[in-house]
N, C-alpha and C. Protein backbone atom coordinates (compact mmCIF):
# COMPACT_ATOMS: atom_id res chain seq x y z
N MET A 1 -16.62 -15.27 1.76
CA MET A 1 -16.45 -14.96 0.37
C MET A 1 -15.35 -13.90 0.22
N GLU A 2 -14.29 -14.26 -0.46
CA GLU A 2 -13.16 -13.34 -0.60
C GLU A 2 -13.35 -12.42 -1.79
N LYS A 3 -13.08 -11.14 -1.58
CA LYS A 3 -13.16 -10.16 -2.66
C LYS A 3 -11.76 -9.95 -3.22
N ALA A 4 -11.69 -9.28 -4.37
CA ALA A 4 -10.41 -9.11 -5.06
C ALA A 4 -9.36 -8.40 -4.23
N ASN A 5 -9.75 -7.41 -3.44
CA ASN A 5 -8.77 -6.66 -2.67
C ASN A 5 -8.72 -7.09 -1.21
N SER A 6 -9.26 -8.31 -0.93
CA SER A 6 -9.25 -8.83 0.43
C SER A 6 -8.28 -9.99 0.55
N THR A 7 -7.74 -10.14 1.75
CA THR A 7 -6.80 -11.20 2.04
C THR A 7 -7.31 -11.99 3.24
N LYS A 8 -7.24 -13.31 3.14
CA LYS A 8 -7.65 -14.18 4.24
C LYS A 8 -6.57 -14.13 5.31
N ILE A 9 -6.97 -13.78 6.55
CA ILE A 9 -6.01 -13.62 7.65
C ILE A 9 -6.48 -14.45 8.84
N ASN A 10 -5.58 -15.18 9.45
CA ASN A 10 -5.88 -15.91 10.68
C ASN A 10 -6.13 -14.88 11.78
N VAL A 11 -7.13 -15.12 12.65
CA VAL A 11 -7.47 -14.13 13.68
C VAL A 11 -6.31 -13.87 14.64
N ASP A 12 -5.39 -14.81 14.76
CA ASP A 12 -4.22 -14.60 15.64
C ASP A 12 -3.25 -13.57 15.06
N ASP A 13 -3.40 -13.25 13.77
CA ASP A 13 -2.49 -12.32 13.10
C ASP A 13 -3.09 -10.93 12.91
N LEU A 14 -4.26 -10.69 13.48
CA LEU A 14 -4.91 -9.39 13.31
C LEU A 14 -4.20 -8.29 14.08
N LYS A 15 -4.26 -7.08 13.50
CA LYS A 15 -3.65 -5.90 14.12
C LYS A 15 -4.63 -4.73 14.03
N LEU A 16 -4.50 -3.83 14.97
CA LEU A 16 -5.33 -2.62 14.94
C LEU A 16 -5.07 -1.87 13.64
N GLY A 17 -6.13 -1.33 13.05
CA GLY A 17 -6.00 -0.60 11.80
C GLY A 17 -6.42 -1.41 10.58
N MET A 18 -6.53 -2.75 10.74
CA MET A 18 -6.98 -3.58 9.62
C MET A 18 -8.48 -3.40 9.44
N TYR A 19 -8.93 -3.45 8.18
CA TYR A 19 -10.35 -3.33 7.86
C TYR A 19 -10.90 -4.73 7.63
N ILE A 20 -11.81 -5.17 8.49
CA ILE A 20 -12.42 -6.49 8.38
C ILE A 20 -13.58 -6.39 7.39
N SER A 21 -13.44 -7.04 6.25
CA SER A 21 -14.48 -6.94 5.21
C SER A 21 -15.43 -8.13 5.23
N ASN A 22 -14.98 -9.27 5.77
CA ASN A 22 -15.84 -10.44 5.81
C ASN A 22 -15.32 -11.42 6.85
N LEU A 23 -16.19 -12.33 7.26
CA LEU A 23 -15.85 -13.31 8.28
C LEU A 23 -15.90 -14.72 7.69
N ASP A 24 -15.47 -15.70 8.46
CA ASP A 24 -15.54 -17.08 8.02
C ASP A 24 -16.92 -17.69 8.31
N ARG A 25 -17.85 -16.87 8.75
CA ARG A 25 -19.21 -17.29 9.08
C ARG A 25 -20.14 -16.11 8.81
N PRO A 26 -21.44 -16.33 8.80
CA PRO A 26 -22.36 -15.21 8.59
C PRO A 26 -22.26 -14.17 9.70
N TRP A 27 -22.37 -12.92 9.34
CA TRP A 27 -22.27 -11.83 10.31
C TRP A 27 -23.31 -11.96 11.42
N LEU A 28 -24.49 -12.48 11.06
CA LEU A 28 -25.58 -12.59 12.03
C LEU A 28 -25.27 -13.57 13.17
N GLU A 29 -24.27 -14.41 12.99
CA GLU A 29 -23.87 -15.36 14.03
C GLU A 29 -22.84 -14.74 14.98
N THR A 30 -22.60 -13.44 14.82
CA THR A 30 -21.61 -12.75 15.66
C THR A 30 -22.26 -11.52 16.28
N PRO A 31 -21.61 -10.94 17.30
CA PRO A 31 -22.16 -9.74 17.93
C PRO A 31 -21.85 -8.43 17.20
N PHE A 32 -21.19 -8.51 16.05
CA PHE A 32 -20.76 -7.29 15.36
C PHE A 32 -21.95 -6.62 14.68
N LEU A 33 -22.09 -5.33 14.92
CA LEU A 33 -23.22 -4.57 14.41
C LEU A 33 -23.07 -4.22 12.93
N PHE A 34 -21.83 -4.06 12.49
CA PHE A 34 -21.59 -3.62 11.12
C PHE A 34 -20.91 -4.72 10.33
N GLN A 35 -21.30 -4.85 9.08
CA GLN A 35 -20.66 -5.80 8.19
C GLN A 35 -19.51 -5.10 7.48
N GLY A 36 -18.38 -5.04 8.15
CA GLY A 36 -17.20 -4.35 7.67
C GLY A 36 -16.85 -3.22 8.60
N PHE A 37 -15.62 -3.25 9.15
CA PHE A 37 -15.21 -2.22 10.10
C PHE A 37 -13.69 -2.25 10.26
N VAL A 38 -13.16 -1.13 10.73
CA VAL A 38 -11.74 -1.03 11.02
C VAL A 38 -11.52 -1.45 12.47
N LEU A 39 -10.54 -2.31 12.69
CA LEU A 39 -10.20 -2.72 14.06
C LEU A 39 -9.60 -1.52 14.79
N GLN A 40 -10.29 -1.06 15.83
CA GLN A 40 -9.83 0.11 16.57
C GLN A 40 -9.49 -0.21 18.02
N GLU A 41 -9.91 -1.37 18.51
CA GLU A 41 -9.67 -1.72 19.91
C GLU A 41 -9.27 -3.19 20.01
N GLU A 42 -8.44 -3.51 20.99
CA GLU A 42 -8.00 -4.89 21.21
C GLU A 42 -9.19 -5.80 21.51
N ASP A 43 -10.23 -5.24 22.15
CA ASP A 43 -11.43 -6.04 22.47
C ASP A 43 -12.08 -6.60 21.21
N GLN A 44 -12.03 -5.84 20.12
CA GLN A 44 -12.61 -6.31 18.86
C GLN A 44 -11.85 -7.53 18.36
N ILE A 45 -10.53 -7.50 18.49
CA ILE A 45 -9.72 -8.64 18.07
C ILE A 45 -10.06 -9.85 18.93
N GLU A 46 -10.19 -9.65 20.23
CA GLU A 46 -10.52 -10.75 21.14
C GLU A 46 -11.89 -11.34 20.81
N GLN A 47 -12.85 -10.49 20.47
CA GLN A 47 -14.18 -10.99 20.09
C GLN A 47 -14.11 -11.81 18.80
N LEU A 48 -13.32 -11.32 17.83
CA LEU A 48 -13.17 -12.07 16.58
C LEU A 48 -12.55 -13.43 16.85
N LYS A 49 -11.60 -13.50 17.77
CA LYS A 49 -10.97 -14.77 18.12
C LYS A 49 -11.98 -15.75 18.73
N GLN A 50 -12.97 -15.22 19.43
CA GLN A 50 -13.99 -16.09 20.04
C GLN A 50 -14.92 -16.70 19.00
N PHE A 51 -15.17 -15.98 17.90
CA PHE A 51 -16.18 -16.42 16.94
C PHE A 51 -15.60 -16.96 15.63
N CYS A 52 -14.38 -16.58 15.30
CA CYS A 52 -13.85 -16.91 13.98
C CYS A 52 -12.48 -17.55 14.07
N GLU A 53 -12.15 -18.32 13.02
CA GLU A 53 -10.79 -18.84 12.86
C GLU A 53 -9.98 -17.91 11.96
N TYR A 54 -10.68 -17.35 10.98
CA TYR A 54 -10.04 -16.42 10.04
C TYR A 54 -11.06 -15.39 9.60
N VAL A 55 -10.55 -14.29 9.05
CA VAL A 55 -11.39 -13.22 8.51
C VAL A 55 -10.76 -12.75 7.21
N TYR A 56 -11.50 -11.91 6.50
CA TYR A 56 -10.96 -11.30 5.29
C TYR A 56 -10.69 -9.83 5.57
N VAL A 57 -9.49 -9.38 5.23
CA VAL A 57 -9.07 -8.01 5.48
C VAL A 57 -8.94 -7.29 4.15
N ASP A 58 -9.62 -6.16 4.02
CA ASP A 58 -9.56 -5.34 2.81
C ASP A 58 -8.30 -4.50 2.86
N GLU A 59 -7.40 -4.77 1.93
CA GLU A 59 -6.11 -4.08 1.92
C GLU A 59 -6.25 -2.59 1.63
N LEU A 60 -7.22 -2.22 0.79
CA LEU A 60 -7.37 -0.82 0.42
C LEU A 60 -7.99 0.01 1.52
N LYS A 61 -8.88 -0.57 2.30
CA LYS A 61 -9.57 0.17 3.35
C LYS A 61 -8.82 0.13 4.68
N SER A 62 -7.82 -0.74 4.79
CA SER A 62 -7.05 -0.84 6.03
C SER A 62 -6.20 0.40 6.23
N LYS A 63 -5.99 0.76 7.47
CA LYS A 63 -5.19 1.94 7.82
C LYS A 63 -3.71 1.60 7.93
N ILE A 64 -3.38 0.30 7.85
CA ILE A 64 -1.98 -0.14 7.93
C ILE A 64 -1.70 -1.07 6.75
N PRO A 65 -0.45 -1.15 6.31
CA PRO A 65 -0.12 -2.09 5.23
C PRO A 65 -0.19 -3.53 5.75
N LEU A 66 -0.62 -4.45 4.90
CA LEU A 66 -0.73 -5.84 5.32
C LEU A 66 0.55 -6.61 5.12
N HIS A 67 1.33 -6.21 4.14
CA HIS A 67 2.53 -6.98 3.81
C HIS A 67 3.78 -6.17 4.06
N LYS A 68 4.77 -6.84 4.58
CA LYS A 68 6.07 -6.20 4.76
C LYS A 68 6.83 -6.29 3.45
N PRO A 69 7.77 -5.37 3.22
CA PRO A 69 8.59 -5.47 2.02
C PRO A 69 9.32 -6.81 1.99
N LYS A 70 9.46 -7.38 0.80
CA LYS A 70 10.11 -8.69 0.69
C LYS A 70 11.59 -8.64 1.03
N ARG A 71 12.25 -7.53 0.74
CA ARG A 71 13.68 -7.40 1.03
C ARG A 71 13.88 -6.15 1.86
N PRO A 72 14.60 -6.28 2.96
CA PRO A 72 14.87 -5.09 3.77
C PRO A 72 15.64 -4.05 2.96
N VAL A 73 15.28 -2.80 3.12
CA VAL A 73 15.91 -1.72 2.39
C VAL A 73 17.40 -1.64 2.70
N VAL A 74 17.77 -1.87 3.95
CA VAL A 74 19.18 -1.78 4.35
C VAL A 74 20.02 -2.76 3.54
N ASN A 75 19.54 -4.00 3.38
CA ASN A 75 20.29 -4.99 2.61
C ASN A 75 20.42 -4.57 1.15
N LEU A 76 19.37 -4.01 0.59
CA LEU A 76 19.41 -3.56 -0.79
C LEU A 76 20.43 -2.44 -0.97
N ILE A 77 20.48 -1.50 -0.03
CA ILE A 77 21.45 -0.41 -0.09
C ILE A 77 22.87 -0.97 -0.01
N ASP A 78 23.10 -1.92 0.89
CA ASP A 78 24.42 -2.54 0.99
C ASP A 78 24.81 -3.22 -0.32
N GLU A 79 23.84 -3.90 -0.95
CA GLU A 79 24.14 -4.55 -2.22
C GLU A 79 24.56 -3.54 -3.28
N ILE A 80 23.85 -2.43 -3.33
CA ILE A 80 24.18 -1.40 -4.31
C ILE A 80 25.58 -0.83 -4.03
N LYS A 81 25.86 -0.56 -2.75
CA LYS A 81 27.18 -0.01 -2.40
C LYS A 81 28.30 -0.97 -2.74
N ASN A 82 28.04 -2.26 -2.57
CA ASN A 82 29.08 -3.26 -2.79
C ASN A 82 29.11 -3.80 -4.22
N SER A 83 28.24 -3.28 -5.08
CA SER A 83 28.21 -3.79 -6.44
C SER A 83 29.49 -3.39 -7.18
N ARG A 84 29.77 -4.09 -8.24
CA ARG A 84 31.00 -3.84 -8.99
C ARG A 84 30.82 -2.77 -10.07
N ILE A 85 29.62 -2.27 -10.19
CA ILE A 85 29.37 -1.23 -11.20
C ILE A 85 29.79 0.11 -10.62
N LEU A 86 30.74 0.73 -11.27
CA LEU A 86 31.21 2.03 -10.82
C LEU A 86 30.88 3.09 -11.87
N ILE A 87 30.26 4.13 -11.42
CA ILE A 87 29.96 5.24 -12.32
C ILE A 87 30.87 6.39 -11.88
N THR A 88 31.73 6.77 -12.74
CA THR A 88 32.69 7.83 -12.43
C THR A 88 32.58 8.92 -13.48
N PRO A 89 33.13 10.10 -13.20
CA PRO A 89 33.10 11.16 -14.23
C PRO A 89 33.78 10.72 -15.53
N GLN A 90 34.77 9.83 -15.43
CA GLN A 90 35.44 9.36 -16.64
C GLN A 90 34.60 8.31 -17.37
N ASN A 91 33.68 7.67 -16.65
CA ASN A 91 32.85 6.61 -17.22
C ASN A 91 31.38 6.90 -16.89
N PRO A 92 30.79 7.98 -17.45
CA PRO A 92 29.43 8.34 -17.08
C PRO A 92 28.41 7.30 -17.56
N ALA A 93 27.30 7.23 -16.84
CA ALA A 93 26.25 6.28 -17.18
C ALA A 93 25.42 6.79 -18.35
N TYR A 94 25.48 8.06 -18.64
CA TYR A 94 24.69 8.63 -19.73
C TYR A 94 25.42 9.83 -20.30
N LYS A 95 24.98 10.24 -21.47
CA LYS A 95 25.54 11.44 -22.10
C LYS A 95 24.56 12.58 -21.92
N THR A 96 25.06 13.76 -21.65
CA THR A 96 24.22 14.94 -21.54
C THR A 96 23.79 15.37 -22.93
N THR A 97 22.46 15.43 -23.13
CA THR A 97 21.96 15.80 -24.46
C THR A 97 21.26 17.15 -24.45
N VAL A 98 20.80 17.60 -23.27
CA VAL A 98 20.19 18.92 -23.16
C VAL A 98 20.80 19.63 -21.96
N PRO A 99 20.79 20.96 -21.97
CA PRO A 99 21.36 21.70 -20.84
C PRO A 99 20.55 21.44 -19.55
N PHE A 100 21.22 21.49 -18.44
CA PHE A 100 20.61 21.25 -17.14
C PHE A 100 19.41 22.16 -16.91
N GLU A 101 19.53 23.43 -17.22
CA GLU A 101 18.47 24.40 -16.99
C GLU A 101 17.19 24.01 -17.72
N GLN A 102 17.33 23.51 -18.93
CA GLN A 102 16.17 23.08 -19.71
C GLN A 102 15.57 21.81 -19.10
N GLU A 103 16.40 20.89 -18.73
CA GLU A 103 15.93 19.62 -18.16
C GLU A 103 15.25 19.82 -16.81
N ILE A 104 15.79 20.69 -15.96
CA ILE A 104 15.21 20.90 -14.63
C ILE A 104 13.84 21.55 -14.72
N THR A 105 13.63 22.41 -15.70
CA THR A 105 12.32 23.04 -15.89
C THR A 105 11.28 21.98 -16.23
N VAL A 106 11.60 21.10 -17.16
CA VAL A 106 10.68 20.02 -17.54
C VAL A 106 10.47 19.07 -16.36
N ALA A 107 11.54 18.73 -15.67
CA ALA A 107 11.44 17.81 -14.53
C ALA A 107 10.54 18.38 -13.43
N ASN A 108 10.65 19.67 -13.17
CA ASN A 108 9.80 20.30 -12.15
C ASN A 108 8.33 20.23 -12.53
N LYS A 109 8.01 20.47 -13.79
CA LYS A 109 6.62 20.40 -14.25
C LYS A 109 6.08 18.98 -14.10
N VAL A 110 6.86 18.00 -14.52
CA VAL A 110 6.44 16.61 -14.42
C VAL A 110 6.27 16.22 -12.95
N HIS A 111 7.20 16.65 -12.11
CA HIS A 111 7.13 16.35 -10.68
C HIS A 111 5.86 16.92 -10.05
N GLN A 112 5.53 18.16 -10.37
CA GLN A 112 4.33 18.78 -9.81
C GLN A 112 3.06 18.06 -10.27
N GLU A 113 3.01 17.70 -11.55
CA GLU A 113 1.84 17.01 -12.08
C GLU A 113 1.66 15.65 -11.42
N LEU A 114 2.74 14.89 -11.34
CA LEU A 114 2.65 13.56 -10.72
C LEU A 114 2.37 13.64 -9.23
N ASN A 115 2.88 14.66 -8.58
CA ASN A 115 2.60 14.84 -7.15
C ASN A 115 1.09 15.03 -6.94
N GLY A 116 0.45 15.79 -7.81
CA GLY A 116 -1.00 15.98 -7.73
C GLY A 116 -1.76 14.69 -7.99
N VAL A 117 -1.31 13.93 -8.98
CA VAL A 117 -1.97 12.66 -9.31
C VAL A 117 -1.83 11.68 -8.15
N ILE A 118 -0.64 11.57 -7.60
CA ILE A 118 -0.41 10.64 -6.49
C ILE A 118 -1.21 11.07 -5.26
N SER A 119 -1.26 12.35 -5.00
CA SER A 119 -2.04 12.86 -3.87
C SER A 119 -3.51 12.51 -4.04
N SER A 120 -4.03 12.66 -5.25
CA SER A 120 -5.42 12.33 -5.54
C SER A 120 -5.68 10.83 -5.34
N ILE A 121 -4.76 10.01 -5.81
CA ILE A 121 -4.89 8.56 -5.65
C ILE A 121 -4.88 8.19 -4.17
N MET A 122 -3.97 8.77 -3.41
CA MET A 122 -3.88 8.45 -1.99
C MET A 122 -5.15 8.89 -1.25
N ASP A 123 -5.73 10.02 -1.64
CA ASP A 123 -6.99 10.47 -1.05
C ASP A 123 -8.09 9.46 -1.35
N ASP A 124 -8.15 8.99 -2.60
CA ASP A 124 -9.17 8.00 -2.97
C ASP A 124 -9.00 6.72 -2.16
N VAL A 125 -7.76 6.24 -2.05
CA VAL A 125 -7.50 5.02 -1.29
C VAL A 125 -7.88 5.22 0.17
N TYR A 126 -7.49 6.32 0.75
CA TYR A 126 -7.80 6.61 2.15
C TYR A 126 -9.31 6.66 2.39
N ASN A 127 -10.06 7.20 1.43
CA ASN A 127 -11.50 7.32 1.57
C ASN A 127 -12.25 6.09 1.08
N GLY A 128 -11.51 5.03 0.72
CA GLY A 128 -12.15 3.78 0.31
C GLY A 128 -12.71 3.78 -1.09
N LYS A 129 -12.29 4.73 -1.91
CA LYS A 129 -12.78 4.80 -3.28
C LYS A 129 -11.87 3.97 -4.18
N ALA A 130 -12.37 3.61 -5.34
CA ALA A 130 -11.58 2.88 -6.32
C ALA A 130 -10.56 3.83 -6.95
N VAL A 131 -9.39 3.31 -7.26
CA VAL A 131 -8.36 4.10 -7.92
C VAL A 131 -8.73 4.23 -9.39
N GLN A 132 -8.68 5.45 -9.89
CA GLN A 132 -9.02 5.72 -11.29
C GLN A 132 -7.82 5.40 -12.18
N ILE A 133 -7.77 4.18 -12.67
CA ILE A 133 -6.64 3.70 -13.46
C ILE A 133 -6.48 4.52 -14.74
N LEU A 134 -7.57 4.90 -15.37
CA LEU A 134 -7.50 5.64 -16.62
C LEU A 134 -6.77 6.97 -16.44
N SER A 135 -7.08 7.70 -15.36
CA SER A 135 -6.40 8.98 -15.13
C SER A 135 -4.94 8.74 -14.79
N LEU A 136 -4.64 7.63 -14.15
CA LEU A 136 -3.25 7.29 -13.84
C LEU A 136 -2.47 7.02 -15.10
N LYS A 137 -3.07 6.27 -16.03
CA LYS A 137 -2.39 5.95 -17.29
C LYS A 137 -2.16 7.20 -18.13
N GLN A 138 -3.09 8.15 -18.07
CA GLN A 138 -2.96 9.37 -18.85
C GLN A 138 -1.83 10.25 -18.32
N SER A 139 -1.49 10.08 -17.06
CA SER A 139 -0.43 10.88 -16.46
C SER A 139 0.88 10.32 -16.90
């Protein structure tokens, strides 16, 4: 049974750090003591291969990301460098409407507030808690 934050993964694609949230068979048909665990040893992966074809991995509880970025960062940087859009002092992308000193003060306050919110969210994710969307929207 797949949950909203779980992804079906073939046992041949498992990696240490993934959180196994469910199996393709009842837990009682396997030697695993806990229904849900983080892969910490290669032996656990080998055991899963013996009993299962696929498992469900909880993306939020996993210690590693499940998906790679769709586009390599290096290629994106090259695209930006080679783009035809040039921003020069003679052709600025924006007009200055407030003095730098005033803007930097506001930017620092916003940065500190968001840094705290992001830190709190990351702590919740790391501890397996649900992300508080309402507090995120209020920020």
